[in-house]
Amino acid sequence: VTEAERLRAGAAGRNKGQSISDEQKLKVLAEEIRALSALA
């Protein structure tokens, strides 16, 4: 997620629009929550 935002930096990046859709945000959060829960 951090790198996706970095790759959009600058004038060329702004033309690339939203890097993470709402559907992808849900999937990102799902994997974060799954990992953090397993790590207590």
Full PDB file with SEQRES, HELIX, SHEET, SSBOND, CRYST1, ORIGX, SCALE, CONECT and MASTER records, all heavy atoms in Angstrom:
SEQRES   1 A   40  VAL THR GLU ALA GLU ARG LEU ARG ALA GLY ALA ALA GLY          
SEQRES   2 A   40  ARG ASN LYS GLY GLN SER ILE SER ASP GLU GLN LYS LEU          
SEQRES   3 A   40  LYS VAL LEU ALA GLU GLU ILE ARG ALA LEU SER ALA LEU          
SEQRES   4 A   40  ALA                                                          
HELIX    1 AA1 THR A    2  LEU A    7  1                                   6    
HELIX    2 AA2 GLY A   10  ARG A   14  1                                   5    
HELIX    3 AA3 ASP A   22  ALA A   38  1                                  17    
CRYST1    1.000    1.000    1.000  90.00  90.00  90.00 P 1           1          
ORIGX1      1.000000  0.000000  0.000000        0.00000                         
ORIGX2      0.000000  1.000000  0.000000        0.00000                         
ORIGX3      0.000000  0.000000  1.000000        0.00000                         
SCALE1      1.000000  0.000000  0.000000        0.00000                         
SCALE2      0.000000  1.000000  0.000000        0.00000                         
SCALE3      0.000000  0.000000  1.000000        0.00000                         
ATOM      1  N   VAL A   1       0.841  -1.200   0.000  1.00  0.00           N  
ATOM      2  CA  VAL A   1       0.000   0.000   0.000  1.00  0.00           C  
ATOM      3  C   VAL A   1       0.881   1.257   0.000  1.00  0.00           C  
ATOM      4  O   VAL A   1       0.639   2.208  -0.751  1.00  0.00           O  
ATOM      5  CB  VAL A   1      -0.947   0.000   1.210  1.00  0.00           C  
ATOM      6  CG1 VAL A   1      -1.660   1.338   1.341  1.00  0.00           C  
ATOM      7  CG2 VAL A   1      -1.960  -1.132   1.085  1.00  0.00           C  
ATOM      8  N   THR A   2       1.925   1.246   0.827  1.00  0.00           N  
ATOM      9  CA  THR A   2       2.834   2.395   0.895  1.00  0.00           C  
ATOM     10  C   THR A   2       3.518   2.629  -0.445  1.00  0.00           C  
ATOM     11  O   THR A   2       3.615   3.764  -0.935  1.00  0.00           O  
ATOM     12  CB  THR A   2       3.895   2.167   1.984  1.00  0.00           C  
ATOM     13  OG1 THR A   2       3.245   1.994   3.239  1.00  0.00           O  
ATOM     14  CG2 THR A   2       4.852   3.340   2.074  1.00  0.00           C  
ATOM     15  N   GLU A   3       3.974   1.542  -1.072  1.00  0.00           N  
ATOM     16  CA  GLU A   3       4.675   1.680  -2.345  1.00  0.00           C  
ATOM     17  C   GLU A   3       3.731   2.118  -3.453  1.00  0.00           C  
ATOM     18  O   GLU A   3       4.115   2.884  -4.343  1.00  0.00           O  
ATOM     19  CB  GLU A   3       5.351   0.363  -2.729  1.00  0.00           C  
ATOM     20  CG  GLU A   3       6.256   0.505  -3.937  1.00  0.00           C  
ATOM     21  CD  GLU A   3       7.095  -0.732  -4.206  1.00  0.00           C  
ATOM     22  OE1 GLU A   3       7.005  -1.710  -3.435  1.00  0.00           O  
ATOM     23  OE2 GLU A   3       7.846  -0.710  -5.205  1.00  0.00           O  
ATOM     24  N   ALA A   4       2.485   1.651  -3.409  1.00  0.00           N  
ATOM     25  CA  ALA A   4       1.516   2.071  -4.419  1.00  0.00           C  
ATOM     26  C   ALA A   4       1.321   3.576  -4.382  1.00  0.00           C  
ATOM     27  O   ALA A   4       1.240   4.232  -5.430  1.00  0.00           O  
ATOM     28  CB  ALA A   4       0.180   1.365  -4.194  1.00  0.00           C  
ATOM     29  N   GLU A   5       1.271   4.130  -3.172  1.00  0.00           N  
ATOM     30  CA  GLU A   5       1.128   5.581  -3.061  1.00  0.00           C  
ATOM     31  C   GLU A   5       2.391   6.296  -3.553  1.00  0.00           C  
ATOM     32  O   GLU A   5       2.313   7.335  -4.208  1.00  0.00           O  
ATOM     33  CB  GLU A   5       0.849   5.963  -1.602  1.00  0.00           C  
ATOM     34  CG  GLU A   5      -0.496   5.463  -1.079  1.00  0.00           C  
ATOM     35  CD  GLU A   5      -1.667   6.028  -1.872  1.00  0.00           C  
ATOM     36  OE1 GLU A   5      -1.530   7.137  -2.439  1.00  0.00           O  
ATOM     37  OE2 GLU A   5      -2.717   5.371  -1.934  1.00  0.00           O  
ATOM     38  N   ARG A   6       3.564   5.719  -3.274  1.00  0.00           N  
ATOM     39  CA  ARG A   6       4.815   6.334  -3.724  1.00  0.00           C  
ATOM     40  C   ARG A   6       4.923   6.302  -5.241  1.00  0.00           C  
ATOM     41  O   ARG A   6       5.384   7.271  -5.871  1.00  0.00           O  
ATOM     42  CB  ARG A   6       6.004   5.598  -3.106  1.00  0.00           C  
ATOM     43  CG  ARG A   6       7.361   6.187  -3.494  1.00  0.00           C  
ATOM     44  CD  ARG A   6       8.501   5.393  -2.892  1.00  0.00           C  
ATOM     45  NE  ARG A   6       8.541   4.022  -3.360  1.00  0.00           N  
ATOM     46  CZ  ARG A   6       8.987   3.655  -4.561  1.00  0.00           C  
ATOM     47  NH1 ARG A   6       9.397   4.564  -5.442  1.00  0.00           N  
ATOM     48  NH2 ARG A   6       9.006   2.391  -4.904  1.00  0.00           N  
ATOM     49  N   LEU A   7       4.494   5.203  -5.860  1.00  0.00           N  
ATOM     50  CA  LEU A   7       4.579   5.071  -7.304  1.00  0.00           C  
ATOM     51  C   LEU A   7       3.659   6.060  -8.028  1.00  0.00           C  
ATOM     52  O   LEU A   7       3.835   6.328  -9.208  1.00  0.00           O  
ATOM     53  CB  LEU A   7       4.220   3.640  -7.728  1.00  0.00           C  
ATOM     54  CG  LEU A   7       5.263   2.569  -7.387  1.00  0.00           C  
ATOM     55  CD1 LEU A   7       4.686   1.182  -7.575  1.00  0.00           C  
ATOM     56  CD2 LEU A   7       6.514   2.744  -8.233  1.00  0.00           C  
ATOM     57  N   ARG A   8       2.691   6.583  -7.303  1.00  0.00           N  
ATOM     58  CA  ARG A   8       1.783   7.566  -7.882  1.00  0.00           C  
ATOM     59  C   ARG A   8       2.266   8.997  -7.654  1.00  0.00           C  
ATOM     60  O   ARG A   8       1.597   9.954  -8.046  1.00  0.00           O  
ATOM     61  CB  ARG A   8       0.384   7.416  -7.282  1.00  0.00           C  
ATOM     62  CG  ARG A   8      -0.321   6.138  -7.686  1.00  0.00           C  
ATOM     63  CD  ARG A   8      -1.647   5.993  -6.956  1.00  0.00           C  
ATOM     64  NE  ARG A   8      -2.564   7.068  -7.338  1.00  0.00           N  
ATOM     65  CZ  ARG A   8      -2.907   8.074  -6.548  1.00  0.00           C  
ATOM     66  NH1 ARG A   8      -2.384   8.184  -5.340  1.00  0.00           N  
ATOM     67  NH2 ARG A   8      -3.755   8.995  -6.956  1.00  0.00           N  
ATOM     68  N   ALA A   9       3.396   9.162  -6.999  1.00  0.00           N  
ATOM     69  CA  ALA A   9       3.877  10.511  -6.673  1.00  0.00           C  
ATOM     70  C   ALA A   9       4.254  11.268  -7.935  1.00  0.00           C  
ATOM     71  O   ALA A   9       4.690  10.694  -8.927  1.00  0.00           O  
ATOM     72  CB  ALA A   9       5.069  10.420  -5.736  1.00  0.00           C  
ATOM     73  N   GLY A  10       4.089  12.584  -7.886  1.00  0.00           N  
ATOM     74  CA  GLY A  10       4.485  13.430  -9.013  1.00  0.00           C  
ATOM     75  C   GLY A  10       3.378  13.579 -10.043  1.00  0.00           C  
ATOM     76  O   GLY A  10       2.294  13.043  -9.911  1.00  0.00           O  
ATOM     77  N   ALA A  11       3.691  14.333 -11.095  1.00  0.00           N  
ATOM     78  CA  ALA A  11       2.684  14.660 -12.111  1.00  0.00           C  
ATOM     79  C   ALA A  11       2.161  13.417 -12.821  1.00  0.00           C  
ATOM     80  O   ALA A  11       0.968  13.270 -13.059  1.00  0.00           O  
ATOM     81  CB  ALA A  11       3.282  15.628 -13.129  1.00  0.00           C  
ATOM     82  N   ALA A  12       3.072  12.491 -13.171  1.00  0.00           N  
ATOM     83  CA  ALA A  12       2.628  11.282 -13.863  1.00  0.00           C  
ATOM     84  C   ALA A  12       1.736  10.443 -12.977  1.00  0.00           C  
ATOM     85  O   ALA A  12       0.735   9.889 -13.416  1.00  0.00           O  
ATOM     86  CB  ALA A  12       3.840  10.450 -14.304  1.00  0.00           C  
ATOM     87  N   GLY A  13       2.089  10.370 -11.688  1.00  0.00           N  
ATOM     88  CA  GLY A  13       1.301   9.571 -10.767  1.00  0.00           C  
ATOM     89  C   GLY A  13      -0.102  10.103 -10.587  1.00  0.00           C  
ATOM     90  O   GLY A  13      -1.051   9.339 -10.444  1.00  0.00           O  
ATOM     91  N   ARG A  14      -0.253  11.411 -10.605  1.00  0.00           N  
ATOM     92  CA  ARG A  14      -1.588  11.981 -10.403  1.00  0.00           C  
ATOM     93  C   ARG A  14      -2.548  11.562 -11.506  1.00  0.00           C  
ATOM     94  O   ARG A  14      -3.747  11.484 -11.304  1.00  0.00           O  
ATOM     95  CB  ARG A  14      -1.496  13.510 -10.318  1.00  0.00           C  
ATOM     96  CG  ARG A  14      -0.978  13.999  -8.962  1.00  0.00           C  
ATOM     97  CD  ARG A  14      -1.234  15.488  -8.797  1.00  0.00           C  
ATOM     98  NE  ARG A  14      -0.429  16.291  -9.718  1.00  0.00           N  
ATOM     99  CZ  ARG A  14       0.806  16.707  -9.443  1.00  0.00           C  
ATOM    100  NH1 ARG A  14       1.375  16.377  -8.295  1.00  0.00           N  
ATOM    101  NH2 ARG A  14       1.477  17.440 -10.321  1.00  0.00           N  
ATOM    102  N   ASN A  15      -2.009  11.276 -12.680  1.00  0.00           N  
ATOM    103  CA  ASN A  15      -2.861  10.826 -13.777  1.00  0.00           C  
ATOM    104  C   ASN A  15      -3.360   9.393 -13.588  1.00  0.00           C  
ATOM    105  O   ASN A  15      -4.241   8.946 -14.304  1.00  0.00           O  
ATOM    106  CB  ASN A  15      -2.098  10.901 -15.109  1.00  0.00           C  
ATOM    107  CG  ASN A  15      -1.783  12.326 -15.499  1.00  0.00           C  
ATOM    108  OD1 ASN A  15      -2.529  13.233 -15.167  1.00  0.00           O  
ATOM    109  ND2 ASN A  15      -0.677  12.518 -16.204  1.00  0.00           N  
ATOM    110  N   LYS A  16      -2.766   8.705 -12.635  1.00  0.00           N  
ATOM    111  CA  LYS A  16      -3.133   7.305 -12.441  1.00  0.00           C  
ATOM    112  C   LYS A  16      -4.358   7.132 -11.548  1.00  0.00           C  
ATOM    113  O   LYS A  16      -4.841   6.031 -11.363  1.00  0.00           O  
ATOM    114  CB  LYS A  16      -1.951   6.525 -11.864  1.00  0.00           C  
ATOM    115  CG  LYS A  16      -0.771   6.454 -12.824  1.00  0.00           C  
ATOM    116  CD  LYS A  16       0.418   5.757 -12.213  1.00  0.00           C  
ATOM    117  CE  LYS A  16       1.595   5.774 -13.188  1.00  0.00           C  
ATOM    118  NZ  LYS A  16       2.797   5.191 -12.625  1.00  0.00           N  
ATOM    119  N   GLY A  17      -4.859   8.215 -10.983  1.00  0.00           N  
ATOM    120  CA  GLY A  17      -6.101   8.134 -10.227  1.00  0.00           C  
ATOM    121  C   GLY A  17      -5.944   7.424  -8.897  1.00  0.00           C  
ATOM    122  O   GLY A  17      -4.856   7.288  -8.355  1.00  0.00           O  
ATOM    123  N   GLN A  18      -7.075   6.931  -8.380  1.00  0.00           N  
ATOM    124  CA  GLN A  18      -7.089   6.265  -7.080  1.00  0.00           C  
ATOM    125  C   GLN A  18      -6.345   4.933  -7.185  1.00  0.00           C  
ATOM    126  O   GLN A  18      -6.670   4.104  -8.012  1.00  0.00           O  
ATOM    127  CB  GLN A  18      -8.549   6.018  -6.652  1.00  0.00           C  
ATOM    128  CG  GLN A  18      -8.690   5.361  -5.286  1.00  0.00           C  
ATOM    129  CD  GLN A  18     -10.135   4.993  -5.001  1.00  0.00           C  
ATOM    130  OE1 GLN A  18     -10.932   4.883  -5.909  1.00  0.00           O  
ATOM    131  NE2 GLN A  18     -10.449   4.794  -3.746  1.00  0.00           N  
ATOM    132  N   SER A  19      -5.343   4.749  -6.335  1.00  0.00           N  
ATOM    133  CA  SER A  19      -4.540   3.527  -6.448  1.00  0.00           C  
ATOM    134  C   SER A  19      -5.208   2.330  -5.801  1.00  0.00           C  
ATOM    135  O   SER A  19      -4.965   1.199  -6.194  1.00  0.00           O  
ATOM    136  CB  SER A  19      -3.167   3.746  -5.809  1.00  0.00           C  
ATOM    137  OG  SER A  19      -3.305   4.028  -4.435  1.00  0.00           O  
ATOM    138  N   ILE A  20      -6.047   2.564  -4.822  1.00  0.00           N  
ATOM    139  CA  ILE A  20      -6.666   1.466  -4.100  1.00  0.00           C  
ATOM    140  C   ILE A  20      -8.179   1.680  -4.092  1.00  0.00           C  
ATOM    141  O   ILE A  20      -8.681   2.639  -3.517  1.00  0.00           O  
ATOM    142  CB  ILE A  20      -6.150   1.376  -2.650  1.00  0.00           C  
ATOM    143  CG1 ILE A  20      -4.623   1.367  -2.628  1.00  0.00           C  
ATOM    144  CG2 ILE A  20      -6.680   0.126  -1.967  1.00  0.00           C  
ATOM    145  CD1 ILE A  20      -4.042   1.368  -1.245  1.00  0.00           C  
ATOM    146  N   SER A  21      -8.894   0.767  -4.726  1.00  0.00           N  
ATOM    147  CA  SER A  21     -10.353   0.861  -4.747  1.00  0.00           C  
ATOM    148  C   SER A  21     -10.906   0.444  -3.384  1.00  0.00           C  
ATOM    149  O   SER A  21     -10.205  -0.153  -2.559  1.00  0.00           O  
ATOM    150  CB  SER A  21     -10.918  -0.056  -5.833  1.00  0.00           C  
ATOM    151  OG  SER A  21     -10.666  -1.408  -5.504  1.00  0.00           O  
ATOM    152  N   ASP A  22     -12.179   0.735  -3.151  1.00  0.00           N  
ATOM    153  CA  ASP A  22     -12.803   0.343  -1.882  1.00  0.00           C  
ATOM    154  C   ASP A  22     -12.792  -1.171  -1.718  1.00  0.00           C  
ATOM    155  O   ASP A  22     -12.618  -1.679  -0.606  1.00  0.00           O  
ATOM    156  CB  ASP A  22     -14.240   0.871  -1.822  1.00  0.00           C  
ATOM    157  CG  ASP A  22     -14.293   2.384  -1.634  1.00  0.00           C  
ATOM    158  OD1 ASP A  22     -13.273   2.960  -1.207  1.00  0.00           O  
ATOM    159  OD2 ASP A  22     -15.343   2.985  -1.918  1.00  0.00           O  
ATOM    160  N   GLU A  23     -12.987  -1.896  -2.821  1.00  0.00           N  
ATOM    161  CA  GLU A  23     -12.956  -3.358  -2.742  1.00  0.00           C  
ATOM    162  C   GLU A  23     -11.579  -3.843  -2.290  1.00  0.00           C  
ATOM    163  O   GLU A  23     -11.467  -4.756  -1.462  1.00  0.00           O  
ATOM    164  CB  GLU A  23     -13.290  -3.961  -4.113  1.00  0.00           C  
ATOM    165  CG  GLU A  23     -14.704  -3.723  -4.588  1.00  0.00           C  
ATOM    166  CD  GLU A  23     -14.884  -2.377  -5.283  1.00  0.00           C  
ATOM    167  OE1 GLU A  23     -13.919  -1.563  -5.287  1.00  0.00           O  
ATOM    168  OE2 GLU A  23     -15.974  -2.128  -5.822  1.00  0.00           O  
ATOM    169  N   GLN A  24     -10.529  -3.212  -2.825  1.00  0.00           N  
ATOM    170  CA  GLN A  24      -9.175  -3.596  -2.433  1.00  0.00           C  
ATOM    171  C   GLN A  24      -8.889  -3.205  -0.991  1.00  0.00           C  
ATOM    172  O   GLN A  24      -8.204  -3.942  -0.274  1.00  0.00           O  
ATOM    173  CB  GLN A  24      -8.157  -2.949  -3.363  1.00  0.00           C  
ATOM    174  CG  GLN A  24      -8.143  -3.562  -4.750  1.00  0.00           C  
ATOM    175  CD  GLN A  24      -7.165  -2.859  -5.660  1.00  0.00           C  
ATOM    176  OE1 GLN A  24      -7.127  -1.638  -5.721  1.00  0.00           O  
ATOM    177  NE2 GLN A  24      -6.361  -3.622  -6.378  1.00  0.00           N  
ATOM    178  N   LYS A  25      -9.404  -2.057  -0.557  1.00  0.00           N  
ATOM    179  CA  LYS A  25      -9.206  -1.652   0.840  1.00  0.00           C  
ATOM    180  C   LYS A  25      -9.766  -2.695   1.793  1.00  0.00           C  
ATOM    181  O   LYS A  25      -9.159  -3.009   2.825  1.00  0.00           O  
ATOM    182  CB  LYS A  25      -9.863  -0.300   1.098  1.00  0.00           C  
ATOM    183  CG  LYS A  25      -9.130   0.883   0.481  1.00  0.00           C  
ATOM    184  CD  LYS A  25      -9.901   2.180   0.693  1.00  0.00           C  
ATOM    185  CE  LYS A  25      -9.231   3.343  -0.045  1.00  0.00           C  
ATOM    186  NZ  LYS A  25     -10.024   4.586   0.051  1.00  0.00           N  
ATOM    187  N   LEU A  26     -10.937  -3.247   1.449  1.00  0.00           N  
ATOM    188  CA  LEU A  26     -11.524  -4.295   2.293  1.00  0.00           C  
ATOM    189  C   LEU A  26     -10.602  -5.516   2.357  1.00  0.00           C  
ATOM    190  O   LEU A  26     -10.408  -6.106   3.425  1.00  0.00           O  
ATOM    191  CB  LEU A  26     -12.891  -4.708   1.746  1.00  0.00           C  
ATOM    192  CG  LEU A  26     -14.073  -3.798   2.072  1.00  0.00           C  
ATOM    193  CD1 LEU A  26     -15.307  -4.240   1.302  1.00  0.00           C  
ATOM    194  CD2 LEU A  26     -14.365  -3.790   3.571  1.00  0.00           C  
ATOM    195  N   LYS A  27     -10.024  -5.889   1.217  1.00  0.00           N  
ATOM    196  CA  LYS A  27      -9.131  -7.051   1.190  1.00  0.00           C  
ATOM    197  C   LYS A  27      -7.841  -6.778   1.956  1.00  0.00           C  
ATOM    198  O   LYS A  27      -7.321  -7.658   2.652  1.00  0.00           O  
ATOM    199  CB  LYS A  27      -8.820  -7.442  -0.258  1.00  0.00           C  
ATOM    200  CG  LYS A  27     -10.015  -7.996  -1.017  1.00  0.00           C  
ATOM    201  CD  LYS A  27      -9.611  -8.338  -2.441  1.00  0.00           C  
ATOM    202  CE  LYS A  27     -10.772  -8.871  -3.241  1.00  0.00           C  
ATOM    203  NZ  LYS A  27     -10.403  -9.195  -4.623  1.00  0.00           N  
ATOM    204  N   VAL A  28      -7.315  -5.556   1.814  1.00  0.00           N  
ATOM    205  CA  VAL A  28      -6.121  -5.172   2.576  1.00  0.00           C  
ATOM    206  C   VAL A  28      -6.391  -5.283   4.063  1.00  0.00           C  
ATOM    207  O   VAL A  28      -5.614  -5.885   4.821  1.00  0.00           O  
ATOM    208  CB  VAL A  28      -5.698  -3.724   2.209  1.00  0.00           C  
ATOM    209  CG1 VAL A  28      -4.691  -3.187   3.219  1.00  0.00           C  
ATOM    210  CG2 VAL A  28      -5.102  -3.676   0.802  1.00  0.00           C  
ATOM    211  N   LEU A  29      -7.516  -4.713   4.506  1.00  0.00           N  
ATOM    212  CA  LEU A  29      -7.862  -4.744   5.933  1.00  0.00           C  
ATOM    213  C   LEU A  29      -8.082  -6.172   6.410  1.00  0.00           C  
ATOM    214  O   LEU A  29      -7.711  -6.520   7.537  1.00  0.00           O  
ATOM    215  CB  LEU A  29      -9.116  -3.897   6.173  1.00  0.00           C  
ATOM    216  CG  LEU A  29      -8.907  -2.384   6.024  1.00  0.00           C  
ATOM    217  CD1 LEU A  29     -10.248  -1.655   5.960  1.00  0.00           C  
ATOM    218  CD2 LEU A  29      -8.072  -1.832   7.178  1.00  0.00           C  
ATOM    219  N   ALA A  30      -8.668  -7.006   5.557  1.00  0.00           N  
ATOM    220  CA  ALA A  30      -8.903  -8.403   5.941  1.00  0.00           C  
ATOM    221  C   ALA A  30      -7.592  -9.108   6.255  1.00  0.00           C  
ATOM    222  O   ALA A  30      -7.481  -9.826   7.272  1.00  0.00           O  
ATOM    223  CB  ALA A  30      -9.641  -9.140   4.824  1.00  0.00           C  
ATOM    224  N   GLU A  31      -6.575  -8.921   5.395  1.00  0.00           N  
ATOM    225  CA  GLU A  31      -5.299  -9.600   5.625  1.00  0.00           C  
ATOM    226  C   GLU A  31      -4.547  -9.000   6.810  1.00  0.00           C  
ATOM    227  O   GLU A  31      -3.871  -9.722   7.549  1.00  0.00           O  
ATOM    228  CB  GLU A  31      -4.444  -9.575   4.358  1.00  0.00           C  
ATOM    229  CG  GLU A  31      -5.064 -10.309   3.181  1.00  0.00           C  
ATOM    230  CD  GLU A  31      -5.589 -11.693   3.540  1.00  0.00           C  
ATOM    231  OE1 GLU A  31      -4.897 -12.440   4.263  1.00  0.00           O  
ATOM    232  OE2 GLU A  31      -6.700 -12.033   3.093  1.00  0.00           O  
ATOM    233  N   GLU A  32      -4.653  -7.696   7.003  1.00  0.00           N  
ATOM    234  CA  GLU A  32      -4.045  -7.075   8.180  1.00  0.00           C  
ATOM    235  C   GLU A  32      -4.674  -7.629   9.456  1.00  0.00           C  
ATOM    236  O   GLU A  32      -3.969  -8.003  10.405  1.00  0.00           O  
ATOM    237  CB  GLU A  32      -4.234  -5.560   8.135  1.00  0.00           C  
ATOM    238  CG  GLU A  32      -3.283  -4.819   7.228  1.00  0.00           C  
ATOM    239  CD  GLU A  32      -3.326  -3.321   7.469  1.00  0.00           C  
ATOM    240  OE1 GLU A  32      -2.554  -2.843   8.323  1.00  0.00           O  
ATOM    241  OE2 GLU A  32      -4.135  -2.634   6.813  1.00  0.00           O  
ATOM    242  N   ILE A  33      -6.000  -7.656   9.486  1.00  0.00           N  
ATOM    243  CA  ILE A  33      -6.711  -8.136  10.687  1.00  0.00           C  
ATOM    244  C   ILE A  33      -6.389  -9.604  10.944  1.00  0.00           C  
ATOM    245  O   ILE A  33      -6.150 -10.012  12.088  1.00  0.00           O  
ATOM    246  CB  ILE A  33      -8.228  -7.924  10.525  1.00  0.00           C  
ATOM    247  CG1 ILE A  33      -8.552  -6.423  10.569  1.00  0.00           C  
ATOM    248  CG2 ILE A  33      -9.010  -8.665  11.612  1.00  0.00           C  
ATOM    249  CD1 ILE A  33      -9.961  -6.081  10.119  1.00  0.00           C  
ATOM    250  N   ARG A  34      -6.355 -10.396   9.887  1.00  0.00           N  
ATOM    251  CA  ARG A  34      -6.043 -11.830  10.051  1.00  0.00           C  
ATOM    252  C   ARG A  34      -4.654 -12.018  10.635  1.00  0.00           C  
ATOM    253  O   ARG A  34      -4.458 -12.824  11.553  1.00  0.00           O  
ATOM    254  CB  ARG A  34      -6.160 -12.518   8.698  1.00  0.00           C  
ATOM    255  CG  ARG A  34      -5.963 -14.021   8.743  1.00  0.00           C  
ATOM    256  CD  ARG A  34      -6.172 -14.612   7.355  1.00  0.00           C  
ATOM    257  NE  ARG A  34      -5.929 -16.051   7.332  1.00  0.00           N  
ATOM    258  CZ  ARG A  34      -5.947 -16.780   6.219  1.00  0.00           C  
ATOM    259  NH1 ARG A  34      -6.220 -16.209   5.063  1.00  0.00           N  
ATOM    260  NH2 ARG A  34      -5.706 -18.089   6.275  1.00  0.00           N  
ATOM    261  N   ALA A  35      -3.673 -11.273  10.117  1.00  0.00           N  
ATOM    262  CA  ALA A  35      -2.300 -11.401  10.604  1.00  0.00           C  
ATOM    263  C   ALA A  35      -2.181 -10.920  12.048  1.00  0.00           C  
ATOM    264  O   ALA A  35      -1.585 -11.597  12.901  1.00  0.00           O  
ATOM    265  CB  ALA A  35      -1.356 -10.614   9.708  1.00  0.00           C  
ATOM    266  N   LEU A  36      -2.752  -9.760  12.346  1.00  0.00           N  
ATOM    267  CA  LEU A  36      -2.652  -9.198  13.709  1.00  0.00           C  
ATOM    268  C   LEU A  36      -3.350 -10.083  14.733  1.00  0.00           C  
ATOM    269  O   LEU A  36      -2.869 -10.236  15.868  1.00  0.00           O  
ATOM    270  CB  LEU A  36      -3.252  -7.788  13.724  1.00  0.00           C  
ATOM    271  CG  LEU A  36      -2.441  -6.713  12.996  1.00  0.00           C  
ATOM    272  CD1 LEU A  36      -3.266  -5.447  12.823  1.00  0.00           C  
ATOM    273  CD2 LEU A  36      -1.142  -6.405  13.739  1.00  0.00           C  
ATOM    274  N   SER A  37      -4.486 -10.667  14.347  1.00  0.00           N  
ATOM    275  CA  SER A  37      -5.194 -11.562  15.272  1.00  0.00           C  
ATOM    276  C   SER A  37      -4.349 -12.785  15.584  1.00  0.00           C  
ATOM    277  O   SER A  37      -4.252 -13.211  16.738  1.00  0.00           O  
ATOM    278  CB  SER A  37      -6.534 -11.992  14.664  1.00  0.00           C  
ATOM    279  OG  SER A  37      -7.356 -10.889  14.432  1.00  0.00           O  
ATOM    280  N   ALA A  38      -3.728 -13.351  14.555  1.00  0.00           N  
ATOM    281  CA  ALA A  38      -2.883 -14.529  14.769  1.00  0.00           C  
ATOM    282  C   ALA A  38      -1.671 -14.192  15.621  1.00  0.00           C  
ATOM    283  O   ALA A  38      -1.163 -15.056  16.359  1.00  0.00           O  
ATOM    284  CB  ALA A  38      -2.437 -15.096  13.421  1.00  0.00           C  
ATOM    285  N   LEU A  39      -1.217 -12.942  15.552  1.00  0.00           N  
ATOM    286  CA  LEU A  39      -0.058 -12.501  16.337  1.00  0.00           C  
ATOM    287  C   LEU A  39      -0.461 -11.964  17.718  1.00  0.00           C  
ATOM    288  O   LEU A  39       0.395 -11.456  18.448  1.00  0.00           O  
ATOM    289  CB  LEU A  39       0.703 -11.411  15.561  1.00  0.00           C  
ATOM    290  CG  LEU A  39       1.342 -11.868  14.238  1.00  0.00           C  
ATOM    291  CD1 LEU A  39       1.787 -10.664  13.417  1.00  0.00           C  
ATOM    292  CD2 LEU A  39       2.515 -12.812  14.494  1.00  0.00           C  
ATOM    293  N   ALA A  40      -1.766 -12.067  18.030  1.00  0.00           N  
ATOM    294  CA  ALA A  40      -2.293 -11.629  19.337  1.00  0.00           C  
ATOM    295  C   ALA A  40      -2.022 -10.140  19.597  1.00  0.00           C  
ATOM    296  O   ALA A  40      -1.692  -9.745  20.705  1.00  0.00           O  
ATOM    297  CB  ALA A  40      -1.713 -12.491  20.464  1.00  0.00           C  
TER     298      ALA A  40                                                      
MASTER        0    0    0    3    0    0    0    6  297    1    0    4          
END                                                                             
